Amino acid sequence: MTEKNTVRFQAEIVNGKCPTCSEYTMLVGITREFYRCLTCGGDLQQHINGKISYLPVVNPPKGTKPYVKEWPR
């Protein structure tokens, strides 16, 4: 008798508006915090602060330093 190696995945699928492509689409849960848009393939991070919002994940290129402008006063 041969033994099978099985791996089970359970992905969460939610409906939402992707801020990258501005479409109402299905978002597939990669982890509990990160989702991927099925329309454009953009990676989103879920933020919960009174309402659930999905924001694009931005990673700076290697060898660069993130820079944020100061707010005008």
N, C-alpha and C. Protein backbone atom coordinates (compact mmCIF):
# COMPACT_ATOMS: atom_id res chain seq x y z
N MET A 1 0.85 -1.18 0.00
CA MET A 1 0.00 0.00 0.00
C MET A 1 0.89 1.24 0.00
N THR A 2 0.60 2.18 -0.85
CA THR A 2 1.40 3.41 -0.93
C THR A 2 0.74 4.50 -0.09
N GLU A 3 1.59 5.32 0.48
CA GLU A 3 1.10 6.41 1.33
C GLU A 3 1.10 7.69 0.51
N LYS A 4 -0.01 8.43 0.56
CA LYS A 4 -0.12 9.69 -0.20
C LYS A 4 0.22 10.85 0.71
N ASN A 5 0.99 11.78 0.17
CA ASN A 5 1.26 13.03 0.88
C ASN A 5 0.26 14.05 0.38
N THR A 6 -0.56 14.54 1.27
CA THR A 6 -1.57 15.51 0.86
C THR A 6 -1.37 16.81 1.62
N VAL A 7 -1.64 17.89 0.92
CA VAL A 7 -1.57 19.22 1.50
C VAL A 7 -2.92 19.88 1.29
N ARG A 8 -3.48 20.45 2.33
CA ARG A 8 -4.78 21.10 2.23
C ARG A 8 -4.61 22.59 2.41
N PHE A 9 -5.24 23.35 1.52
CA PHE A 9 -5.25 24.80 1.61
C PHE A 9 -6.67 25.26 1.82
N GLN A 10 -6.82 26.26 2.64
CA GLN A 10 -8.14 26.85 2.85
C GLN A 10 -7.98 28.36 2.67
N ALA A 11 -8.46 28.87 1.56
CA ALA A 11 -8.31 30.29 1.25
C ALA A 11 -9.62 31.02 1.53
N GLU A 12 -9.50 32.21 2.07
CA GLU A 12 -10.68 33.04 2.31
C GLU A 12 -10.88 33.91 1.08
N ILE A 13 -12.10 33.95 0.57
CA ILE A 13 -12.44 34.78 -0.58
C ILE A 13 -13.50 35.77 -0.14
N VAL A 14 -13.22 37.06 -0.35
CA VAL A 14 -14.15 38.11 0.03
C VAL A 14 -14.40 39.01 -1.17
N ASN A 15 -15.51 39.72 -1.14
CA ASN A 15 -15.82 40.71 -2.16
C ASN A 15 -15.41 42.07 -1.64
N GLY A 16 -14.85 42.89 -2.51
CA GLY A 16 -14.44 44.23 -2.09
C GLY A 16 -14.02 45.05 -3.29
N LYS A 17 -13.74 46.33 -3.03
CA LYS A 17 -13.29 47.23 -4.09
C LYS A 17 -11.77 47.34 -4.00
N CYS A 18 -11.11 47.01 -5.09
CA CYS A 18 -9.65 47.08 -5.14
C CYS A 18 -9.24 48.52 -5.39
N PRO A 19 -8.40 49.10 -4.52
CA PRO A 19 -7.96 50.48 -4.74
C PRO A 19 -6.96 50.61 -5.89
N THR A 20 -6.38 49.52 -6.33
CA THR A 20 -5.41 49.58 -7.43
C THR A 20 -6.10 49.71 -8.78
N CYS A 21 -7.12 48.88 -9.04
CA CYS A 21 -7.82 48.91 -10.33
C CYS A 21 -9.21 49.53 -10.24
N SER A 22 -9.65 49.90 -9.03
CA SER A 22 -10.96 50.56 -8.79
C SER A 22 -12.15 49.70 -9.23
N GLU A 23 -12.01 48.40 -9.21
CA GLU A 23 -13.08 47.49 -9.58
C GLU A 23 -13.61 46.76 -8.34
N TYR A 24 -14.93 46.48 -8.33
CA TYR A 24 -15.50 45.60 -7.33
C TYR A 24 -15.21 44.18 -7.78
N THR A 25 -14.49 43.44 -6.98
CA THR A 25 -13.99 42.14 -7.41
C THR A 25 -13.86 41.20 -6.22
N MET A 26 -13.43 39.99 -6.49
CA MET A 26 -13.15 39.04 -5.42
C MET A 26 -11.69 39.19 -5.01
N LEU A 27 -11.46 39.12 -3.71
CA LEU A 27 -10.12 39.21 -3.15
C LEU A 27 -9.83 37.88 -2.46
N VAL A 28 -8.70 37.28 -2.79
CA VAL A 28 -8.33 35.98 -2.23
C VAL A 28 -7.34 36.20 -1.10
N GLY A 29 -7.62 35.61 0.05
CA GLY A 29 -6.75 35.74 1.21
C GLY A 29 -5.49 34.93 1.07
N ILE A 30 -4.35 35.62 1.09
CA ILE A 30 -3.05 34.94 1.07
C ILE A 30 -2.69 34.56 2.50
N THR A 31 -2.86 35.51 3.42
CA THR A 31 -2.73 35.27 4.86
C THR A 31 -3.95 35.94 5.49
N ARG A 32 -3.99 36.02 6.81
CA ARG A 32 -5.12 36.67 7.47
C ARG A 32 -5.12 38.18 7.25
N GLU A 33 -3.99 38.72 6.84
CA GLU A 33 -3.84 40.17 6.70
C GLU A 33 -3.68 40.62 5.25
N PHE A 34 -3.17 39.76 4.36
CA PHE A 34 -2.88 40.13 2.99
C PHE A 34 -3.82 39.43 2.02
N TYR A 35 -4.29 40.19 1.01
CA TYR A 35 -5.21 39.67 0.01
C TYR A 35 -4.69 40.01 -1.37
N ARG A 36 -5.14 39.27 -2.39
CA ARG A 36 -4.76 39.53 -3.77
C ARG A 36 -6.03 39.71 -4.61
N CYS A 37 -6.03 40.77 -5.42
CA CYS A 37 -7.15 41.06 -6.32
C CYS A 37 -7.13 40.09 -7.48
N LEU A 38 -8.30 39.51 -7.81
CA LEU A 38 -8.37 38.57 -8.93
C LEU A 38 -8.42 39.29 -10.27
N THR A 39 -8.74 40.57 -10.29
CA THR A 39 -8.82 41.31 -11.54
C THR A 39 -7.45 41.79 -12.01
N CYS A 40 -6.73 42.50 -11.14
CA CYS A 40 -5.44 43.08 -11.55
C CYS A 40 -4.24 42.37 -10.94
N GLY A 41 -4.43 41.53 -9.93
CA GLY A 41 -3.33 40.82 -9.31
C GLY A 41 -2.59 41.63 -8.26
N GLY A 42 -3.15 42.79 -7.89
CA GLY A 42 -2.50 43.64 -6.88
C GLY A 42 -2.58 43.04 -5.49
N ASP A 43 -1.51 43.18 -4.73
CA ASP A 43 -1.48 42.72 -3.35
C ASP A 43 -2.00 43.83 -2.44
N LEU A 44 -2.89 43.47 -1.52
CA LEU A 44 -3.53 44.43 -0.64
C LEU A 44 -3.35 44.01 0.80
N GLN A 45 -3.29 44.99 1.69
CA GLN A 45 -3.21 44.71 3.12
C GLN A 45 -4.52 45.17 3.75
N GLN A 46 -5.10 44.31 4.57
CA GLN A 46 -6.37 44.61 5.21
C GLN A 46 -6.13 45.41 6.48
N HIS A 47 -6.85 46.53 6.60
CA HIS A 47 -6.80 47.36 7.80
C HIS A 47 -8.20 47.40 8.39
N ILE A 48 -8.30 47.19 9.70
CA ILE A 48 -9.59 47.21 10.37
C ILE A 48 -9.55 48.33 11.41
N ASN A 49 -10.29 49.38 11.15
CA ASN A 49 -10.38 50.49 12.08
C ASN A 49 -11.78 51.09 12.00
N GLY A 50 -12.75 50.38 12.50
CA GLY A 50 -14.13 50.82 12.41
C GLY A 50 -14.80 50.30 11.15
N LYS A 51 -14.06 50.26 10.06
CA LYS A 51 -14.51 49.62 8.82
C LYS A 51 -13.33 48.89 8.22
N ILE A 52 -13.60 47.89 7.42
CA ILE A 52 -12.53 47.13 6.79
C ILE A 52 -12.14 47.83 5.50
N SER A 53 -10.87 48.15 5.35
CA SER A 53 -10.39 48.75 4.11
C SER A 53 -9.16 48.00 3.64
N TYR A 54 -8.99 47.95 2.34
CA TYR A 54 -7.87 47.25 1.73
C TYR A 54 -6.97 48.29 1.08
N LEU A 55 -5.70 48.32 1.44
CA LEU A 55 -4.74 49.28 0.92
C LEU A 55 -3.65 48.55 0.16
N PRO A 56 -3.16 49.16 -0.93
CA PRO A 56 -2.09 48.50 -1.71
C PRO A 56 -0.83 48.32 -0.87
N VAL A 57 -0.13 47.24 -1.13
CA VAL A 57 1.14 46.97 -0.47
C VAL A 57 2.23 47.57 -1.36
N VAL A 58 3.06 48.44 -0.79
CA VAL A 58 4.13 49.07 -1.55
C VAL A 58 5.46 48.66 -0.95
N ASN A 59 6.29 48.04 -1.75
CA ASN A 59 7.62 47.62 -1.31
C ASN A 59 8.65 48.43 -2.08
N PRO A 60 9.55 49.15 -1.38
CA PRO A 60 10.58 49.91 -2.09
C PRO A 60 11.60 48.97 -2.74
N PRO A 61 12.17 49.37 -3.88
CA PRO A 61 13.18 48.53 -4.52
C PRO A 61 14.39 48.33 -3.61
N LYS A 62 15.10 47.23 -3.80
CA LYS A 62 16.28 46.94 -2.97
C LYS A 62 17.34 48.01 -3.19
N GLY A 63 18.01 48.38 -2.13
CA GLY A 63 19.06 49.37 -2.21
C GLY A 63 18.58 50.81 -2.13
N THR A 64 17.26 51.00 -1.96
CA THR A 64 16.73 52.35 -1.84
C THR A 64 16.19 52.57 -0.43
N LYS A 65 16.07 53.82 -0.06
CA LYS A 65 15.54 54.17 1.25
C LYS A 65 14.20 54.86 1.07
N PRO A 66 13.15 54.46 1.80
CA PRO A 66 11.85 55.13 1.65
C PRO A 66 11.97 56.60 2.06
N TYR A 67 11.26 57.43 1.33
CA TYR A 67 11.27 58.86 1.59
C TYR A 67 9.83 59.36 1.66
N VAL A 68 9.50 60.08 2.71
CA VAL A 68 8.16 60.64 2.86
C VAL A 68 8.30 62.15 3.00
N LYS A 69 7.57 62.89 2.14
CA LYS A 69 7.62 64.34 2.21
C LYS A 69 6.93 64.82 3.48
N GLU A 70 7.36 65.95 3.98
CA GLU A 70 6.70 66.54 5.13
C GLU A 70 5.43 67.23 4.67
N TRP A 71 4.45 67.27 5.57
CA TRP A 71 3.20 67.96 5.29
C TRP A 71 3.45 69.47 5.32
N PRO A 72 2.86 70.20 4.38
CA PRO A 72 2.99 71.66 4.45
C PRO A 72 2.23 72.18 5.65
N ARG A 73 2.80 73.16 6.30
CA ARG A 73 2.16 73.72 7.51
C ARG A 73 1.45 74.98 7.21
